[in-house]
Amino acid sequence: MTPGKAFLSTDEIRPLAERSDLMGFWLVTHCWATIALAVALFAIWPNPLTFVFAVLVVGSRQLGLAILMHEAAHNALFKSRKLNDVVGEWFCGRPILAELMAYRHYHLTHHRFTQTDKDPDLALSSKFPTTRASLKRKFIRDLTGQTGYKQLAAQIMMSIRLAGDDEAVEAASSDFAQAFKARDLFKSLPVFIGIIVLMGAIGDWWWGLAFWLLPYLTWFQFVLRVRNIAEHGATEASENPLQNTRTTLAGPIARLFVAPYWVNYHLEHHLVMHVPCWRLKKMHELLTEKGVTEQMRVAPSYRQALVEAGWKTAEP
């Protein structure tokens, strides 16, 4: 499960994989502070532009929370397992209706069987390449809240249906974890609603609905889909670690709105999954020095990743 050893020595991997509690706390603090600042900007200058800006930034930081929960699932956010579990669960996962433990089990399976028949994520990537029209339909459903609403409603109904049935809950865990969903929704729902209520108490009553629920139902769903497409969509269905995953280069704007916390360096993450996200760029640079990136599937932008997934392909 560490294919990067074919390209990097143990002495090169060891410093890259060193974890930092200080950096872990900084990343979580940064994510929540960015959310607060985006809403504060609207509070100071309330207008349509700052409203849209806040929704987009909060939605991208909701993805940021998912990414940091992903880090905790790999025990890479903090040095201790306990800190990873507690912070990853309650400060990253539960606020976006996700569940760390279910996600960890599912996600490690994804790493072990990437782009093979046993990969639980194969259902996401096997749909690509597709057509531009198909991608547009998916994006419209995401941005208009249709995807988020349907998933949330299905999650609530599933949680009610599975209440008290431990075997059924366990069987559904992978499906929930695949989209950063909690299998036991009612453990996460109070946290999610609590954030909505807190925002309403700090500002106007509708702030929580506008700046937590709305981003969750729209922009979060959109960037989550873009992330999934960029990482494994239209990649090689093989065990070749340099071709079954994609790294996508991202500038400042993409990092702000689409790809927070170095999530774009996904191929590097698959090569050595316990390297903390904030060291993946350094790992990419090291692989570039060795000439390995010439063999890697690297997209120069998210636009190009979507083109490879079918954005320029017309309907037959």
C-alpha atoms as a PDB file:
ATOM      1  CA  MET A   1       0.000   0.000   0.000  1.00  0.00           C
ATOM      2  CA  THR A   2       3.071   2.270  -0.357  1.00  0.00           C
ATOM      3  CA  PRO A   3       3.859   2.221  -4.081  1.00  0.00           C
ATOM      4  CA  GLY A   4       5.964   5.354  -3.667  1.00  0.00           C
ATOM      5  CA  LYS A   5       8.797   3.185  -2.355  1.00  0.00           C
ATOM      6  CA  ALA A   6       9.516   2.322  -5.981  1.00  0.00           C
ATOM      7  CA  PHE A   7      10.448   5.962  -6.613  1.00  0.00           C
ATOM      8  CA  LEU A   8      11.539   7.346  -3.237  1.00  0.00           C
ATOM      9  CA  SER A   9      13.929   5.905  -0.687  1.00  0.00           C
ATOM     10  CA  THR A  10      13.008   5.320   2.946  1.00  0.00           C
ATOM     11  CA  ASP A  11      15.309   8.188   3.928  1.00  0.00           C
ATOM     12  CA  GLU A  12      13.419  10.480   1.540  1.00  0.00           C
ATOM     13  CA  ILE A  13       9.978   9.344   2.680  1.00  0.00           C
ATOM     14  CA  ARG A  14      10.654   9.549   6.416  1.00  0.00           C
ATOM     15  CA  PRO A  15      10.916  13.386   6.676  1.00  0.00           C
ATOM     16  CA  LEU A  16       7.987  13.811   4.297  1.00  0.00           C
ATOM     17  CA  ALA A  17       5.802  11.580   6.485  1.00  0.00           C
ATOM     18  CA  GLU A  18       6.619  13.343   9.763  1.00  0.00           C
ATOM     19  CA  ARG A  19       3.438  14.655  11.373  1.00  0.00           C
ATOM     20  CA  SER A  20       3.019  17.882  13.343  1.00  0.00           C
ATOM     21  CA  ASP A  21       0.394  18.626  15.983  1.00  0.00           C
ATOM     22  CA  LEU A  22       1.026  22.349  15.557  1.00  0.00           C
ATOM     23  CA  MET A  23       0.380  22.159  11.819  1.00  0.00           C
ATOM     24  CA  GLY A  24      -2.670  19.980  12.383  1.00  0.00           C
ATOM     25  CA  PHE A  25      -4.240  22.520  14.730  1.00  0.00           C
ATOM     26  CA  TRP A  26      -3.286  25.337  12.366  1.00  0.00           C
ATOM     27  CA  LEU A  27      -5.006  23.694   9.409  1.00  0.00           C
ATOM     28  CA  VAL A  28      -8.250  23.101  11.318  1.00  0.00           C
ATOM     29  CA  THR A  29      -8.129  26.637  12.747  1.00  0.00           C
ATOM     30  CA  HIS A  30      -7.383  28.083   9.320  1.00  0.00           C
ATOM     31  CA  CYS A  31     -10.367  26.290   7.797  1.00  0.00           C
ATOM     32  CA  TRP A  32     -12.849  27.568  10.387  1.00  0.00           C
ATOM     33  CA  ALA A  33     -11.270  31.047  10.407  1.00  0.00           C
ATOM     34  CA  THR A  34     -11.647  31.260   6.621  1.00  0.00           C
ATOM     35  CA  ILE A  35     -15.330  30.407   6.979  1.00  0.00           C
ATOM     36  CA  ALA A  36     -15.747  33.070   9.660  1.00  0.00           C
ATOM     37  CA  LEU A  37     -13.910  35.710   7.620  1.00  0.00           C
ATOM     38  CA  ALA A  38     -15.981  35.009   4.505  1.00  0.00           C
ATOM     39  CA  VAL A  39     -19.206  35.541   6.471  1.00  0.00           C
ATOM     40  CA  ALA A  40     -17.707  38.574   8.226  1.00  0.00           C
ATOM     41  CA  LEU A  41     -16.930  40.123   4.852  1.00  0.00           C
ATOM     42  CA  PHE A  42     -20.612  39.956   3.967  1.00  0.00           C
ATOM     43  CA  ALA A  43     -21.542  41.361   7.393  1.00  0.00           C
ATOM     44  CA  ILE A  44     -19.268  44.379   6.815  1.00  0.00           C
ATOM     45  CA  TRP A  45     -20.190  44.947   3.152  1.00  0.00           C
ATOM     46  CA  PRO A  46     -23.566  43.285   2.555  1.00  0.00           C
ATOM     47  CA  ASN A  47     -24.214  43.066  -1.178  1.00  0.00           C
ATOM     48  CA  PRO A  48     -24.847  40.347  -3.805  1.00  0.00           C
ATOM     49  CA  LEU A  49     -21.140  40.044  -4.635  1.00  0.00           C
ATOM     50  CA  THR A  50     -19.977  39.433  -1.063  1.00  0.00           C
ATOM     51  CA  PHE A  51     -22.943  37.092  -0.539  1.00  0.00           C
ATOM     52  CA  VAL A  52     -21.938  34.897  -3.480  1.00  0.00           C
ATOM     53  CA  PHE A  53     -18.283  35.110  -2.452  1.00  0.00           C
ATOM     54  CA  ALA A  54     -19.147  33.908   1.062  1.00  0.00           C
ATOM     55  CA  VAL A  55     -21.239  31.003  -0.233  1.00  0.00           C
ATOM     56  CA  LEU A  56     -18.433  29.867  -2.561  1.00  0.00           C
ATOM     57  CA  VAL A  57     -15.714  30.169   0.070  1.00  0.00           C
ATOM     58  CA  VAL A  58     -17.752  28.407   2.758  1.00  0.00           C
ATOM     59  CA  GLY A  59     -18.621  25.613   0.317  1.00  0.00           C
ATOM     60  CA  SER A  60     -14.956  25.170  -0.569  1.00  0.00           C
ATOM     61  CA  ARG A  61     -14.036  25.099   3.148  1.00  0.00           C
ATOM     62  CA  GLN A  62     -16.707  22.474   3.751  1.00  0.00           C
ATOM     63  CA  LEU A  63     -14.686  20.455   1.272  1.00  0.00           C
ATOM     64  CA  GLY A  64     -11.665  21.584   3.285  1.00  0.00           C
ATOM     65  CA  LEU A  65     -13.177  20.019   6.396  1.00  0.00           C
ATOM     66  CA  ALA A  66     -13.730  16.803   4.424  1.00  0.00           C
ATOM     67  CA  ILE A  67     -10.086  16.876   3.339  1.00  0.00           C
ATOM     68  CA  LEU A  68      -8.884  17.386   6.908  1.00  0.00           C
ATOM     69  CA  MET A  69     -11.124  14.534   8.066  1.00  0.00           C
ATOM     70  CA  HIS A  70      -9.481  12.488   5.310  1.00  0.00           C
ATOM     71  CA  GLU A  71      -6.106  13.443   6.787  1.00  0.00           C
ATOM     72  CA  ALA A  72      -7.271  12.291  10.212  1.00  0.00           C
ATOM     73  CA  ALA A  73      -8.507   9.019   8.684  1.00  0.00           C
ATOM     74  CA  HIS A  74      -4.897   8.392   7.631  1.00  0.00           C
ATOM     75  CA  ASN A  75      -3.672   9.508  11.097  1.00  0.00           C
ATOM     76  CA  ALA A  76      -1.720  12.215   9.284  1.00  0.00           C
ATOM     77  CA  LEU A  77      -3.359  15.326  10.777  1.00  0.00           C
ATOM     78  CA  PHE A  78      -1.851  14.827  14.241  1.00  0.00           C
ATOM     79  CA  LYS A  79       0.783  12.613  15.805  1.00  0.00           C
ATOM     80  CA  SER A  80      -1.572  10.711  18.101  1.00  0.00           C
ATOM     81  CA  ARG A  81      -4.425   8.444  17.036  1.00  0.00           C
ATOM     82  CA  LYS A  82      -6.658   9.981  19.706  1.00  0.00           C
ATOM     83  CA  LEU A  83      -6.251  13.542  18.430  1.00  0.00           C
ATOM     84  CA  ASN A  84      -6.868  12.395  14.864  1.00  0.00           C
ATOM     85  CA  ASP A  85     -10.028  10.607  15.959  1.00  0.00           C
ATOM     86  CA  VAL A  86     -11.458  13.371  18.167  1.00  0.00           C
ATOM     87  CA  VAL A  87     -10.629  16.430  16.045  1.00  0.00           C
ATOM     88  CA  GLY A  88     -11.225  14.630  12.768  1.00  0.00           C
ATOM     89  CA  GLU A  89     -14.632  13.418  13.931  1.00  0.00           C
ATOM     90  CA  TRP A  90     -16.071  16.416  15.780  1.00  0.00           C
ATOM     91  CA  PHE A  91     -14.386  19.447  14.209  1.00  0.00           C
ATOM     92  CA  CYS A  92     -14.093  18.186  10.629  1.00  0.00           C
ATOM     93  CA  GLY A  93     -16.490  15.306   9.948  1.00  0.00           C
ATOM     94  CA  ARG A  94     -19.639  15.872  11.981  1.00  0.00           C
ATOM     95  CA  PRO A  95     -20.089  19.534  10.898  1.00  0.00           C
ATOM     96  CA  ILE A  96     -20.530  18.338   7.287  1.00  0.00           C
ATOM     97  CA  LEU A  97     -22.618  15.265   8.224  1.00  0.00           C
ATOM     98  CA  ALA A  98     -19.671  12.900   7.734  1.00  0.00           C
ATOM     99  CA  GLU A  99     -18.340  10.138   9.963  1.00  0.00           C
ATOM    100  CA  LEU A 100     -14.630   9.492  10.428  1.00  0.00           C
ATOM    101  CA  MET A 101     -14.703   5.821  11.427  1.00  0.00           C
ATOM    102  CA  ALA A 102     -16.876   4.635   8.532  1.00  0.00           C
ATOM    103  CA  TYR A 103     -14.888   6.769   6.115  1.00  0.00           C
ATOM    104  CA  ARG A 104     -11.535   5.404   7.328  1.00  0.00           C
ATOM    105  CA  HIS A 105     -12.521   1.787   6.763  1.00  0.00           C
ATOM    106  CA  TYR A 106     -13.911   2.455   3.304  1.00  0.00           C
ATOM    107  CA  HIS A 107     -11.092   4.764   2.228  1.00  0.00           C
ATOM    108  CA  LEU A 108      -8.251   2.410   3.120  1.00  0.00           C
ATOM    109  CA  THR A 109      -9.958  -0.184   0.946  1.00  0.00           C
ATOM    110  CA  HIS A 110      -9.918   2.357  -1.885  1.00  0.00           C
ATOM    111  CA  HIS A 111      -6.167   2.807  -1.443  1.00  0.00           C
ATOM    112  CA  ARG A 112      -5.497  -0.904  -1.420  1.00  0.00           C
ATOM    113  CA  PHE A 113      -7.493  -1.640  -4.584  1.00  0.00           C
ATOM    114  CA  THR A 114      -7.297   1.653  -6.521  1.00  0.00           C
ATOM    115  CA  GLN A 115      -8.986   1.444  -9.938  1.00  0.00           C
ATOM    116  CA  THR A 116      -9.519  -2.302  -9.710  1.00  0.00           C
ATOM    117  CA  ASP A 117     -12.734  -4.300  -9.415  1.00  0.00           C
ATOM    118  CA  LYS A 118     -12.436  -4.216  -5.619  1.00  0.00           C
ATOM    119  CA  ASP A 119     -12.138  -0.406  -5.435  1.00  0.00           C
ATOM    120  CA  PRO A 120     -15.267   0.993  -3.698  1.00  0.00           C
ATOM    121  CA  ASP A 121     -14.704   4.257  -5.607  1.00  0.00           C
ATOM    122  CA  LEU A 122     -14.763   2.564  -9.002  1.00  0.00           C
ATOM    123  CA  ALA A 123     -18.448   3.425  -9.390  1.00  0.00           C
ATOM    124  CA  LEU A 124     -17.458   7.103  -9.318  1.00  0.00           C
ATOM    125  CA  SER A 125     -14.598   6.953 -11.811  1.00  0.00           C
ATOM    126  CA  SER A 126     -15.872   4.314 -14.240  1.00  0.00           C
ATOM    127  CA  LYS A 127     -18.442   6.776 -15.634  1.00  0.00           C
ATOM    128  CA  PHE A 128     -15.682   8.798 -17.279  1.00  0.00           C
ATOM    129  CA  PRO A 129     -14.881   9.873 -19.904  1.00  0.00           C
ATOM    130  CA  THR A 130     -18.404  10.995 -20.658  1.00  0.00           C
ATOM    131  CA  THR A 131     -19.893  13.791 -22.765  1.00  0.00           C
ATOM    132  CA  ARG A 132     -19.982  17.539 -22.205  1.00  0.00           C
ATOM    133  CA  ALA A 133     -23.789  17.410 -22.045  1.00  0.00           C
ATOM    134  CA  SER A 134     -23.650  14.782 -19.310  1.00  0.00           C
ATOM    135  CA  LEU A 135     -21.168  16.815 -17.273  1.00  0.00           C
ATOM    136  CA  LYS A 136     -23.299  19.949 -17.700  1.00  0.00           C
ATOM    137  CA  ARG A 137     -26.375  18.119 -16.409  1.00  0.00           C
ATOM    138  CA  LYS A 138     -24.437  16.908 -13.380  1.00  0.00           C
ATOM    139  CA  PHE A 139     -23.021  20.362 -12.655  1.00  0.00           C
ATOM    140  CA  ILE A 140     -26.416  22.045 -12.995  1.00  0.00           C
ATOM    141  CA  ARG A 141     -27.939  19.570 -10.541  1.00  0.00           C
ATOM    142  CA  ASP A 142     -25.087  20.286  -8.121  1.00  0.00           C
ATOM    143  CA  LEU A 143     -25.188  24.065  -8.366  1.00  0.00           C
ATOM    144  CA  THR A 144     -28.983  24.288  -8.109  1.00  0.00           C
ATOM    145  CA  GLY A 145     -29.025  22.164  -4.960  1.00  0.00           C
ATOM    146  CA  GLN A 146     -30.777  19.171  -6.528  1.00  0.00           C
ATOM    147  CA  THR A 147     -27.911  16.793  -5.778  1.00  0.00           C
ATOM    148  CA  GLY A 148     -27.469  18.023  -2.213  1.00  0.00           C
ATOM    149  CA  TYR A 149     -31.190  17.945  -1.450  1.00  0.00           C
ATOM    150  CA  LYS A 150     -31.655  14.431  -2.819  1.00  0.00           C
ATOM    151  CA  GLN A 151     -28.624  13.104  -0.969  1.00  0.00           C
ATOM    152  CA  LEU A 152     -29.641  14.741   2.309  1.00  0.00           C
ATOM    153  CA  ALA A 153     -33.223  13.487   2.024  1.00  0.00           C
ATOM    154  CA  ALA A 154     -31.993   9.994   1.172  1.00  0.00           C
ATOM    155  CA  GLN A 155     -29.575  10.115   4.098  1.00  0.00           C
ATOM    156  CA  ILE A 156     -32.347  11.070   6.520  1.00  0.00           C
ATOM    157  CA  MET A 157     -34.673   8.363   5.209  1.00  0.00           C
ATOM    158  CA  MET A 158     -31.920   5.748   5.298  1.00  0.00           C
ATOM    159  CA  SER A 159     -31.011   6.661   8.873  1.00  0.00           C
ATOM    160  CA  ILE A 160     -34.649   6.300   9.935  1.00  0.00           C
ATOM    161  CA  ARG A 161     -34.987   3.011   8.060  1.00  0.00           C
ATOM    162  CA  LEU A 162     -31.795   1.570   9.549  1.00  0.00           C
ATOM    163  CA  ALA A 163     -32.370   2.786  13.103  1.00  0.00           C
ATOM    164  CA  GLY A 164     -31.560  -0.066  15.469  1.00  0.00           C
ATOM    165  CA  ASP A 165     -30.488  -2.429  12.676  1.00  0.00           C
ATOM    166  CA  ASP A 166     -26.726  -2.653  13.196  1.00  0.00           C
ATOM    167  CA  GLU A 167     -26.154  -5.162  10.406  1.00  0.00           C
ATOM    168  CA  ALA A 168     -27.939  -3.016   7.828  1.00  0.00           C
ATOM    169  CA  VAL A 169     -26.097   0.083   9.012  1.00  0.00           C
ATOM    170  CA  GLU A 170     -22.783  -1.706   8.612  1.00  0.00           C
ATOM    171  CA  ALA A 171     -23.724  -2.873   5.123  1.00  0.00           C
ATOM    172  CA  ALA A 172     -24.562   0.705   4.109  1.00  0.00           C
ATOM    173  CA  SER A 173     -21.409   2.227   5.616  1.00  0.00           C
ATOM    174  CA  SER A 174     -19.383   2.202   2.397  1.00  0.00           C
ATOM    175  CA  ASP A 175     -22.122   3.948   0.439  1.00  0.00           C
ATOM    176  CA  PHE A 176     -22.321   6.675   3.081  1.00  0.00           C
ATOM    177  CA  ALA A 177     -18.547   7.104   3.388  1.00  0.00           C
ATOM    178  CA  GLN A 178     -18.093   7.314  -0.367  1.00  0.00           C
ATOM    179  CA  ALA A 179     -19.714  10.750  -0.441  1.00  0.00           C
ATOM    180  CA  PHE A 180     -18.547  11.916   3.010  1.00  0.00           C
ATOM    181  CA  LYS A 181     -21.854  10.971   4.635  1.00  0.00           C
ATOM    182  CA  ALA A 182     -22.440   9.750   8.180  1.00  0.00           C
ATOM    183  CA  ARG A 183     -24.082   6.337   8.370  1.00  0.00           C
ATOM    184  CA  ASP A 184     -25.762   7.360  11.672  1.00  0.00           C
ATOM    185  CA  LEU A 185     -27.050  10.753  10.625  1.00  0.00           C
ATOM    186  CA  PHE A 186     -28.577  11.666  13.968  1.00  0.00           C
ATOM    187  CA  LYS A 187     -25.142  11.733  15.598  1.00  0.00           C
ATOM    188  CA  SER A 188     -24.003  14.393  13.132  1.00  0.00           C
ATOM    189  CA  LEU A 189     -27.240  16.268  12.494  1.00  0.00           C
ATOM    190  CA  PRO A 190     -27.193  18.106  15.878  1.00  0.00           C
ATOM    191  CA  VAL A 191     -23.705  19.437  15.061  1.00  0.00           C
ATOM    192  CA  PHE A 192     -24.793  20.506  11.571  1.00  0.00           C
ATOM    193  CA  ILE A 193     -27.935  22.208  12.903  1.00  0.00           C
ATOM    194  CA  GLY A 194     -25.952  23.706  15.779  1.00  0.00           C
ATOM    195  CA  ILE A 195     -23.726  25.558  13.325  1.00  0.00           C
ATOM    196  CA  ILE A 196     -26.792  26.885  11.504  1.00  0.00           C
ATOM    197  CA  VAL A 197     -28.305  28.084  14.784  1.00  0.00           C
ATOM    198  CA  LEU A 198     -25.012  29.652  15.921  1.00  0.00           C
ATOM    199  CA  MET A 199     -24.644  31.606  12.692  1.00  0.00           C
ATOM    200  CA  GLY A 200     -28.226  32.813  13.044  1.00  0.00           C
ATOM    201  CA  ALA A 201     -27.561  33.888  16.627  1.00  0.00           C
ATOM    202  CA  ILE A 202     -24.419  35.812  15.661  1.00  0.00           C
ATOM    203  CA  GLY A 203     -25.996  37.558  12.665  1.00  0.00           C
ATOM    204  CA  ASP A 204     -29.461  37.670  11.176  1.00  0.00           C
ATOM    205  CA  TRP A 205     -31.724  34.633  11.662  1.00  0.00           C
ATOM    206  CA  TRP A 206     -31.195  33.460   8.061  1.00  0.00           C
ATOM    207  CA  TRP A 207     -27.398  33.489   8.118  1.00  0.00           C
ATOM    208  CA  GLY A 208     -27.061  29.821   9.019  1.00  0.00           C
ATOM    209  CA  LEU A 209     -29.366  28.806   6.191  1.00  0.00           C
ATOM    210  CA  ALA A 210     -27.546  31.067   3.725  1.00  0.00           C
ATOM    211  CA  PHE A 211     -23.972  30.456   4.830  1.00  0.00           C
ATOM    212  CA  TRP A 212     -24.002  26.833   5.947  1.00  0.00           C
ATOM    213  CA  LEU A 213     -26.966  24.948   4.497  1.00  0.00           C
ATOM    214  CA  LEU A 214     -26.929  26.676   1.092  1.00  0.00           C
ATOM    215  CA  PRO A 215     -23.181  26.142   0.466  1.00  0.00           C
ATOM    216  CA  TYR A 216     -23.544  22.543   1.644  1.00  0.00           C
ATOM    217  CA  LEU A 217     -26.357  21.863  -0.817  1.00  0.00           C
ATOM    218  CA  THR A 218     -24.717  23.640  -3.759  1.00  0.00           C
ATOM    219  CA  TRP A 219     -21.047  24.605  -4.035  1.00  0.00           C
ATOM    220  CA  PHE A 220     -19.810  21.819  -1.745  1.00  0.00           C
ATOM    221  CA  GLN A 221     -21.542  19.242  -3.944  1.00  0.00           C
ATOM    222  CA  PHE A 222     -20.085  20.821  -7.076  1.00  0.00           C
ATOM    223  CA  VAL A 223     -16.467  20.975  -5.888  1.00  0.00           C
ATOM    224  CA  LEU A 224     -16.798  17.498  -4.409  1.00  0.00           C
ATOM    225  CA  ARG A 225     -17.765  16.196  -7.841  1.00  0.00           C
ATOM    226  CA  VAL A 226     -14.975  18.137  -9.566  1.00  0.00           C
ATOM    227  CA  ARG A 227     -12.515  16.716  -7.057  1.00  0.00           C
ATOM    228  CA  ASN A 228     -13.718  13.166  -7.651  1.00  0.00           C
ATOM    229  CA  ILE A 229     -13.500  13.586 -11.424  1.00  0.00           C
ATOM    230  CA  ALA A 230     -10.021  15.114 -11.292  1.00  0.00           C
ATOM    231  CA  GLU A 231      -8.634  12.436  -8.980  1.00  0.00           C
ATOM    232  CA  HIS A 232      -9.683   9.275 -10.800  1.00  0.00           C
ATOM    233  CA  GLY A 233     -12.030  10.168 -13.665  1.00  0.00           C
ATOM    234  CA  ALA A 234     -10.760   9.028 -17.083  1.00  0.00           C
ATOM    235  CA  THR A 235      -7.615   7.516 -15.619  1.00  0.00           C
ATOM    236  CA  GLU A 236      -6.139   4.124 -16.376  1.00  0.00           C
ATOM    237  CA  ALA A 237      -8.064   1.158 -14.934  1.00  0.00           C
ATOM    238  CA  SER A 238      -4.950  -0.655 -13.796  1.00  0.00           C
ATOM    239  CA  GLU A 239      -2.614  -1.104 -10.853  1.00  0.00           C
ATOM    240  CA  ASN A 240      -0.105   1.376 -12.303  1.00  0.00           C
ATOM    241  CA  PRO A 241       0.161   4.026  -9.530  1.00  0.00           C
ATOM    242  CA  LEU A 242       1.429   6.662 -11.959  1.00  0.00           C
ATOM    243  CA  GLN A 243      -1.558   6.352 -14.298  1.00  0.00           C
ATOM    244  CA  ASN A 244      -4.575   5.219 -12.232  1.00  0.00           C
ATOM    245  CA  THR A 245      -4.664   8.511 -10.315  1.00  0.00           C
ATOM    246  CA  ARG A 246      -4.305  12.137 -11.378  1.00  0.00           C
ATOM    247  CA  THR A 247      -2.579  15.130  -9.848  1.00  0.00           C
ATOM    248  CA  THR A 248      -4.029  18.481 -10.925  1.00  0.00           C
ATOM    249  CA  LEU A 249      -1.976  21.642 -10.684  1.00  0.00           C
ATOM    250  CA  ALA A 250      -3.863  24.506  -9.027  1.00  0.00           C
ATOM    251  CA  GLY A 251      -3.222  28.231  -8.782  1.00  0.00           C
ATOM    252  CA  PRO A 252      -4.372  30.573  -5.988  1.00  0.00           C
ATOM    253  CA  ILE A 253      -7.938  30.977  -7.271  1.00  0.00           C
ATOM    254  CA  ALA A 254      -8.428  27.224  -7.724  1.00  0.00           C
ATOM    255  CA  ARG A 255      -7.014  26.605  -4.241  1.00  0.00           C
ATOM    256  CA  LEU A 256      -9.428  29.141  -2.769  1.00  0.00           C
ATOM    257  CA  PHE A 257     -12.609  27.954  -4.462  1.00  0.00           C
ATOM    258  CA  VAL A 258     -12.041  24.347  -5.561  1.00  0.00           C
ATOM    259  CA  ALA A 259      -8.935  22.651  -4.152  1.00  0.00           C
ATOM    260  CA  PRO A 260      -8.055  23.594  -0.556  1.00  0.00           C
ATOM    261  CA  TYR A 261      -5.303  22.012   1.514  1.00  0.00           C
ATOM    262  CA  TRP A 262      -3.240  20.488  -1.292  1.00  0.00           C
ATOM    263  CA  VAL A 263      -6.010  18.052  -2.272  1.00  0.00           C
ATOM    264  CA  ASN A 264      -4.902  18.482  -5.899  1.00  0.00           C
ATOM    265  CA  TYR A 265      -1.732  16.437  -5.271  1.00  0.00           C
ATOM    266  CA  HIS A 266      -3.707  13.224  -5.291  1.00  0.00           C
ATOM    267  CA  LEU A 267      -1.285  10.992  -7.153  1.00  0.00           C
ATOM    268  CA  GLU A 268       1.420  11.827  -4.618  1.00  0.00           C
ATOM    269  CA  HIS A 269      -1.006  10.985  -1.831  1.00  0.00           C
ATOM    270  CA  HIS A 270      -1.616   7.565  -3.355  1.00  0.00           C
ATOM    271  CA  LEU A 271       2.109   6.914  -3.681  1.00  0.00           C
ATOM    272  CA  VAL A 272       2.655   7.436   0.064  1.00  0.00           C
ATOM    273  CA  MET A 273      -0.700   7.842   1.761  1.00  0.00           C
ATOM    274  CA  HIS A 274       0.628   8.719   5.235  1.00  0.00           C
ATOM    275  CA  VAL A 275       2.437  11.869   4.044  1.00  0.00           C
ATOM    276  CA  PRO A 276       0.541  14.879   5.510  1.00  0.00           C
ATOM    277  CA  CYS A 277      -1.255  17.005   2.922  1.00  0.00           C
ATOM    278  CA  TRP A 278       0.944  20.041   3.583  1.00  0.00           C
ATOM    279  CA  ARG A 279       4.032  18.106   2.477  1.00  0.00           C
ATOM    280  CA  LEU A 280       2.565  16.757  -0.769  1.00  0.00           C
ATOM    281  CA  LYS A 281       3.803  19.732  -2.783  1.00  0.00           C
ATOM    282  CA  LYS A 282       7.339  19.069  -1.518  1.00  0.00           C
ATOM    283  CA  MET A 283       6.903  15.431  -2.506  1.00  0.00           C
ATOM    284  CA  HIS A 284       5.790  16.512  -5.983  1.00  0.00           C
ATOM    285  CA  GLU A 285       8.907  18.682  -6.313  1.00  0.00           C
ATOM    286  CA  LEU A 286      11.125  15.793  -5.239  1.00  0.00           C
ATOM    287  CA  LEU A 287       9.500  13.485  -7.792  1.00  0.00           C
ATOM    288  CA  THR A 288       9.985  16.193 -10.441  1.00  0.00           C
ATOM    289  CA  GLU A 289      13.707  16.372  -9.627  1.00  0.00           C
ATOM    290  CA  LYS A 290      13.900  12.612 -10.137  1.00  0.00           C
ATOM    291  CA  GLY A 291      12.066  12.810 -13.471  1.00  0.00           C
ATOM    292  CA  VAL A 292       9.158  10.715 -12.185  1.00  0.00           C
ATOM    293  CA  THR A 293       6.526  13.363 -12.959  1.00  0.00           C
ATOM    294  CA  GLU A 294       7.201  12.837 -16.668  1.00  0.00           C
ATOM    295  CA  GLN A 295       5.619   9.392 -16.260  1.00  0.00           C
ATOM    296  CA  MET A 296       2.775  10.614 -14.037  1.00  0.00           C
ATOM    297  CA  ARG A 297      -0.742  11.600 -15.048  1.00  0.00           C
ATOM    298  CA  VAL A 298      -0.661  15.332 -14.277  1.00  0.00           C
ATOM    299  CA  ALA A 299      -3.245  17.856 -15.487  1.00  0.00           C
ATOM    300  CA  PRO A 300      -2.048  21.476 -15.728  1.00  0.00           C
ATOM    301  CA  SER A 301      -5.432  22.744 -14.444  1.00  0.00           C
ATOM    302  CA  TYR A 302      -8.862  21.589 -13.318  1.00  0.00           C
ATOM    303  CA  ARG A 303     -10.224  22.704 -16.665  1.00  0.00           C
ATOM    304  CA  GLN A 304      -7.862  20.290 -18.394  1.00  0.00           C
ATOM    305  CA  ALA A 305      -8.845  17.494 -15.998  1.00  0.00           C
ATOM    306  CA  LEU A 306     -12.491  18.073 -16.950  1.00  0.00           C
ATOM    307  CA  VAL A 307     -11.548  18.098 -20.649  1.00  0.00           C
ATOM    308  CA  GLU A 308      -9.943  14.681 -20.184  1.00  0.00           C
ATOM    309  CA  ALA A 309     -13.141  13.531 -18.455  1.00  0.00           C
ATOM    310  CA  GLY A 310     -15.243  14.574 -21.461  1.00  0.00           C
ATOM    311  CA  TRP A 311     -15.930  18.321 -21.227  1.00  0.00           C
ATOM    312  CA  LYS A 312     -15.139  18.798 -24.935  1.00  0.00           C
ATOM    313  CA  THR A 313     -16.784  15.597 -26.089  1.00  0.00           C
ATOM    314  CA  ALA A 314     -20.069  16.121 -27.904  1.00  0.00           C
ATOM    315  CA  GLU A 315     -23.076  13.821 -27.757  1.00  0.00           C
ATOM    316  CA  PRO A 316     -22.774  10.933 -30.245  1.00  0.00           C
END
